[in-house]
Amino acid sequence: MVYTFTNKNMSQKMILIIIGGWFLFMILAIFNAIIRDELYKPKVGDLIAHQISTIIFVTIIFIVTYFLLRISNLNLNDNEAVIIGSIWLVFTILFEFIVGHYIFGNSWDKLIEDYNILKGRIWILVLITTFFTPYITNKFLL
């Protein structure tokens, strides 16, 4: 089954929200990481700093998504909200691994390490939030 959007204007707005919203998240994530590394990582250590910045970024994702959807007046149905979350999730994972490895020089092991919940790494919460937030916040707007 091929999913089509209800009208052309909604499709264009949705594409703008998908791409623009994700780039906004990327910029905010970079600022969050800079603040983490410069401000509180030296005081609390790497693990706790990553946990704090993860919680901060999860909160940012919810707030920004809510305002993006509210301002855009998209009136998404459930499928459209899931599509946005899915695309944001794929973009985030690709960015993390491609840019993280090839531009920032992180090893594959270091990148994968952030997924190890047993070692207190909670980065997966950002991915879960990225996927579900368009759906959840859209429910608040209905």
C-alpha atoms as a PDB file:
ATOM      1  CA  MET A   1       0.000   0.000   0.000  1.00  0.00           C
ATOM      2  CA  VAL A   2       1.339   3.402  -0.962  1.00  0.00           C
ATOM      3  CA  TYR A   3       0.594   6.238   1.425  1.00  0.00           C
ATOM      4  CA  THR A   4      -0.365   9.563  -0.111  1.00  0.00           C
ATOM      5  CA  PHE A   5      -0.842  12.863   1.668  1.00  0.00           C
ATOM      6  CA  THR A   6      -4.246  14.510   1.774  1.00  0.00           C
ATOM      7  CA  ASN A   7      -3.279  17.548  -0.295  1.00  0.00           C
ATOM      8  CA  LYS A   8      -0.290  19.191  -1.932  1.00  0.00           C
ATOM      9  CA  ASN A   9       0.007  22.063   0.575  1.00  0.00           C
ATOM     10  CA  MET A  10       0.061  19.678   3.497  1.00  0.00           C
ATOM     11  CA  SER A  11       2.731  17.637   1.786  1.00  0.00           C
ATOM     12  CA  GLN A  12       4.936  20.705   1.266  1.00  0.00           C
ATOM     13  CA  LYS A  13       4.436  21.868   4.864  1.00  0.00           C
ATOM     14  CA  MET A  14       5.188  18.395   6.113  1.00  0.00           C
ATOM     15  CA  ILE A  15       8.410  18.207   4.103  1.00  0.00           C
ATOM     16  CA  LEU A  16       9.421  21.587   5.515  1.00  0.00           C
ATOM     17  CA  ILE A  17       8.729  20.377   9.065  1.00  0.00           C
ATOM     18  CA  ILE A  18      10.603  17.124   8.453  1.00  0.00           C
ATOM     19  CA  ILE A  19      13.729  18.710   7.008  1.00  0.00           C
ATOM     20  CA  GLY A  20      13.688  22.038   8.844  1.00  0.00           C
ATOM     21  CA  GLY A  21      12.776  20.439  12.153  1.00  0.00           C
ATOM     22  CA  TRP A  22      15.516  17.859  11.888  1.00  0.00           C
ATOM     23  CA  PHE A  23      18.156  20.474  11.015  1.00  0.00           C
ATOM     24  CA  LEU A  24      16.991  22.515  13.996  1.00  0.00           C
ATOM     25  CA  PHE A  25      17.436  19.426  16.193  1.00  0.00           C
ATOM     26  CA  MET A  26      20.901  18.883  14.756  1.00  0.00           C
ATOM     27  CA  ILE A  27      21.946  22.439  15.619  1.00  0.00           C
ATOM     28  CA  LEU A  28      20.438  22.193  19.107  1.00  0.00           C
ATOM     29  CA  ALA A  29      22.157  18.827  19.650  1.00  0.00           C
ATOM     30  CA  ILE A  30      25.526  20.337  18.754  1.00  0.00           C
ATOM     31  CA  PHE A  31      24.961  23.238  21.163  1.00  0.00           C
ATOM     32  CA  ASN A  32      23.858  20.768  23.835  1.00  0.00           C
ATOM     33  CA  ALA A  33      27.070  18.782  23.339  1.00  0.00           C
ATOM     34  CA  ILE A  34      29.238  21.914  23.485  1.00  0.00           C
ATOM     35  CA  ILE A  35      27.565  23.030  26.711  1.00  0.00           C
ATOM     36  CA  ARG A  36      27.955  19.514  28.135  1.00  0.00           C
ATOM     37  CA  ASP A  37      31.648  19.287  27.258  1.00  0.00           C
ATOM     38  CA  GLU A  38      32.545  22.801  28.384  1.00  0.00           C
ATOM     39  CA  LEU A  39      30.285  23.324  31.392  1.00  0.00           C
ATOM     40  CA  TYR A  40      29.512  20.246  33.402  1.00  0.00           C
ATOM     41  CA  LYS A  41      31.476  17.296  31.987  1.00  0.00           C
ATOM     42  CA  PRO A  42      34.693  18.439  33.730  1.00  0.00           C
ATOM     43  CA  LYS A  43      32.795  18.536  37.034  1.00  0.00           C
ATOM     44  CA  VAL A  44      30.701  15.359  36.881  1.00  0.00           C
ATOM     45  CA  GLY A  45      32.612  13.121  34.455  1.00  0.00           C
ATOM     46  CA  ASP A  46      31.788  11.652  31.073  1.00  0.00           C
ATOM     47  CA  LEU A  47      29.014   9.194  31.944  1.00  0.00           C
ATOM     48  CA  ILE A  48      26.924  11.500  34.112  1.00  0.00           C
ATOM     49  CA  ALA A  49      27.475  14.367  31.663  1.00  0.00           C
ATOM     50  CA  HIS A  50      26.120  12.231  28.822  1.00  0.00           C
ATOM     51  CA  GLN A  51      23.140  11.198  30.943  1.00  0.00           C
ATOM     52  CA  ILE A  52      22.371  14.817  31.824  1.00  0.00           C
ATOM     53  CA  SER A  53      22.712  16.000  28.224  1.00  0.00           C
ATOM     54  CA  THR A  54      20.532  13.119  27.022  1.00  0.00           C
ATOM     55  CA  ILE A  55      17.721  14.131  29.399  1.00  0.00           C
ATOM     56  CA  ILE A  56      18.126  17.771  28.371  1.00  0.00           C
ATOM     57  CA  PHE A  57      17.975  16.875  24.685  1.00  0.00           C
ATOM     58  CA  VAL A  58      14.947  14.599  25.127  1.00  0.00           C
ATOM     59  CA  THR A  59      13.178  17.576  26.719  1.00  0.00           C
ATOM     60  CA  ILE A  60      14.285  19.840  23.870  1.00  0.00           C
ATOM     61  CA  ILE A  61      12.910  17.375  21.303  1.00  0.00           C
ATOM     62  CA  PHE A  62       9.485  17.390  22.980  1.00  0.00           C
ATOM     63  CA  ILE A  63       9.321  21.167  23.312  1.00  0.00           C
ATOM     64  CA  VAL A  64      10.543  21.937  19.790  1.00  0.00           C
ATOM     65  CA  THR A  65       8.309  19.304  18.190  1.00  0.00           C
ATOM     66  CA  TYR A  66       5.282  20.625  20.034  1.00  0.00           C
ATOM     67  CA  PHE A  67       5.923  24.181  18.865  1.00  0.00           C
ATOM     68  CA  LEU A  68       6.768  23.123  15.298  1.00  0.00           C
ATOM     69  CA  LEU A  69       3.521  21.216  14.973  1.00  0.00           C
ATOM     70  CA  ARG A  70       1.507  23.922  16.717  1.00  0.00           C
ATOM     71  CA  ILE A  71       2.896  26.750  14.570  1.00  0.00           C
ATOM     72  CA  SER A  72       2.594  24.774  11.331  1.00  0.00           C
ATOM     73  CA  ASN A  73      -1.084  23.859  11.844  1.00  0.00           C
ATOM     74  CA  LEU A  74      -0.478  20.605  10.002  1.00  0.00           C
ATOM     75  CA  ASN A  75      -3.322  18.650  11.651  1.00  0.00           C
ATOM     76  CA  LEU A  76      -1.471  15.394  11.147  1.00  0.00           C
ATOM     77  CA  ASN A  77      -3.147  12.041  11.168  1.00  0.00           C
ATOM     78  CA  ASP A  78      -1.443   9.209  13.064  1.00  0.00           C
ATOM     79  CA  ASN A  79       0.294   7.851   9.952  1.00  0.00           C
ATOM     80  CA  GLU A  80       1.779  11.239   9.067  1.00  0.00           C
ATOM     81  CA  ALA A  81       3.056  11.735  12.614  1.00  0.00           C
ATOM     82  CA  VAL A  82       4.707   8.295  12.507  1.00  0.00           C
ATOM     83  CA  ILE A  83       6.236   9.105   9.113  1.00  0.00           C
ATOM     84  CA  ILE A  84       7.797  12.286  10.528  1.00  0.00           C
ATOM     85  CA  GLY A  85       9.175  10.404  13.539  1.00  0.00           C
ATOM     86  CA  SER A  86      10.511   7.629  11.329  1.00  0.00           C
ATOM     87  CA  ILE A  87      12.319  10.009   9.000  1.00  0.00           C
ATOM     88  CA  TRP A  88      13.761  11.984  11.926  1.00  0.00           C
ATOM     89  CA  LEU A  89      14.955   8.708  13.460  1.00  0.00           C
ATOM     90  CA  VAL A  90      16.674   7.559  10.259  1.00  0.00           C
ATOM     91  CA  PHE A  91      18.263  10.994   9.724  1.00  0.00           C
ATOM     92  CA  THR A  92      19.525  10.995  13.321  1.00  0.00           C
ATOM     93  CA  ILE A  93      21.068   7.533  13.129  1.00  0.00           C
ATOM     94  CA  LEU A  94      22.674   8.253   9.765  1.00  0.00           C
ATOM     95  CA  PHE A  95      24.034  11.571  11.027  1.00  0.00           C
ATOM     96  CA  GLU A  96      25.363  10.029  14.202  1.00  0.00           C
ATOM     97  CA  PHE A  97      27.220   7.237  12.455  1.00  0.00           C
ATOM     98  CA  ILE A  98      28.274   8.877   9.184  1.00  0.00           C
ATOM     99  CA  VAL A  99      29.195  12.323  10.502  1.00  0.00           C
ATOM    100  CA  GLY A 100      30.298  10.959  13.882  1.00  0.00           C
ATOM    101  CA  HIS A 101      32.725   8.572  12.236  1.00  0.00           C
ATOM    102  CA  TYR A 102      33.892  10.313   9.067  1.00  0.00           C
ATOM    103  CA  ILE A 103      33.875  13.958  10.173  1.00  0.00           C
ATOM    104  CA  PHE A 104      34.297  13.867  13.958  1.00  0.00           C
ATOM    105  CA  GLY A 105      36.625  10.853  13.784  1.00  0.00           C
ATOM    106  CA  ASN A 106      34.876   8.683  16.362  1.00  0.00           C
ATOM    107  CA  SER A 107      35.566   4.971  16.120  1.00  0.00           C
ATOM    108  CA  TRP A 108      32.692   2.617  15.335  1.00  0.00           C
ATOM    109  CA  ASP A 109      33.181   1.080  18.800  1.00  0.00           C
ATOM    110  CA  LYS A 110      32.808   4.486  20.471  1.00  0.00           C
ATOM    111  CA  LEU A 111      29.666   5.233  18.480  1.00  0.00           C
ATOM    112  CA  ILE A 112      28.108   1.887  19.348  1.00  0.00           C
ATOM    113  CA  GLU A 113      29.131   2.275  23.009  1.00  0.00           C
ATOM    114  CA  ASP A 114      26.476   4.990  23.461  1.00  0.00           C
ATOM    115  CA  TYR A 115      23.830   2.276  23.008  1.00  0.00           C
ATOM    116  CA  ASN A 116      25.047   0.142  25.924  1.00  0.00           C
ATOM    117  CA  ILE A 117      22.357   0.661  28.561  1.00  0.00           C
ATOM    118  CA  LEU A 118      24.105  -1.835  30.839  1.00  0.00           C
ATOM    119  CA  LYS A 119      26.973   0.661  31.123  1.00  0.00           C
ATOM    120  CA  GLY A 120      24.624   3.550  31.901  1.00  0.00           C
ATOM    121  CA  ARG A 121      24.584   4.912  28.359  1.00  0.00           C
ATOM    122  CA  ILE A 122      21.064   6.196  27.697  1.00  0.00           C
ATOM    123  CA  TRP A 123      21.467   7.722  24.217  1.00  0.00           C
ATOM    124  CA  ILE A 124      18.777   5.310  23.000  1.00  0.00           C
ATOM    125  CA  LEU A 125      16.261   7.555  24.802  1.00  0.00           C
ATOM    126  CA  VAL A 126      17.009  10.276  22.241  1.00  0.00           C
ATOM    127  CA  LEU A 127      16.223   7.875  19.405  1.00  0.00           C
ATOM    128  CA  ILE A 128      13.033   6.628  21.054  1.00  0.00           C
ATOM    129  CA  THR A 129      11.958  10.212  21.733  1.00  0.00           C
ATOM    130  CA  THR A 130      12.791  11.301  18.192  1.00  0.00           C
ATOM    131  CA  PHE A 131      10.558   8.555  16.806  1.00  0.00           C
ATOM    132  CA  PHE A 132       7.565   8.904  19.144  1.00  0.00           C
ATOM    133  CA  THR A 133       7.433  12.654  19.820  1.00  0.00           C
ATOM    134  CA  PRO A 134       5.649  13.730  16.611  1.00  0.00           C
ATOM    135  CA  TYR A 135       2.906  11.193  17.357  1.00  0.00           C
ATOM    136  CA  ILE A 136       2.641  12.067  21.060  1.00  0.00           C
ATOM    137  CA  THR A 137       2.737  15.841  20.652  1.00  0.00           C
ATOM    138  CA  ASN A 138       0.273  15.669  17.766  1.00  0.00           C
ATOM    139  CA  LYS A 139      -2.195  14.010  20.167  1.00  0.00           C
ATOM    140  CA  PHE A 140      -1.888  17.037  22.478  1.00  0.00           C
ATOM    141  CA  LEU A 141      -2.758  19.324  19.580  1.00  0.00           C
ATOM    142  CA  LEU A 142      -5.909  17.495  18.431  1.00  0.00           C
END
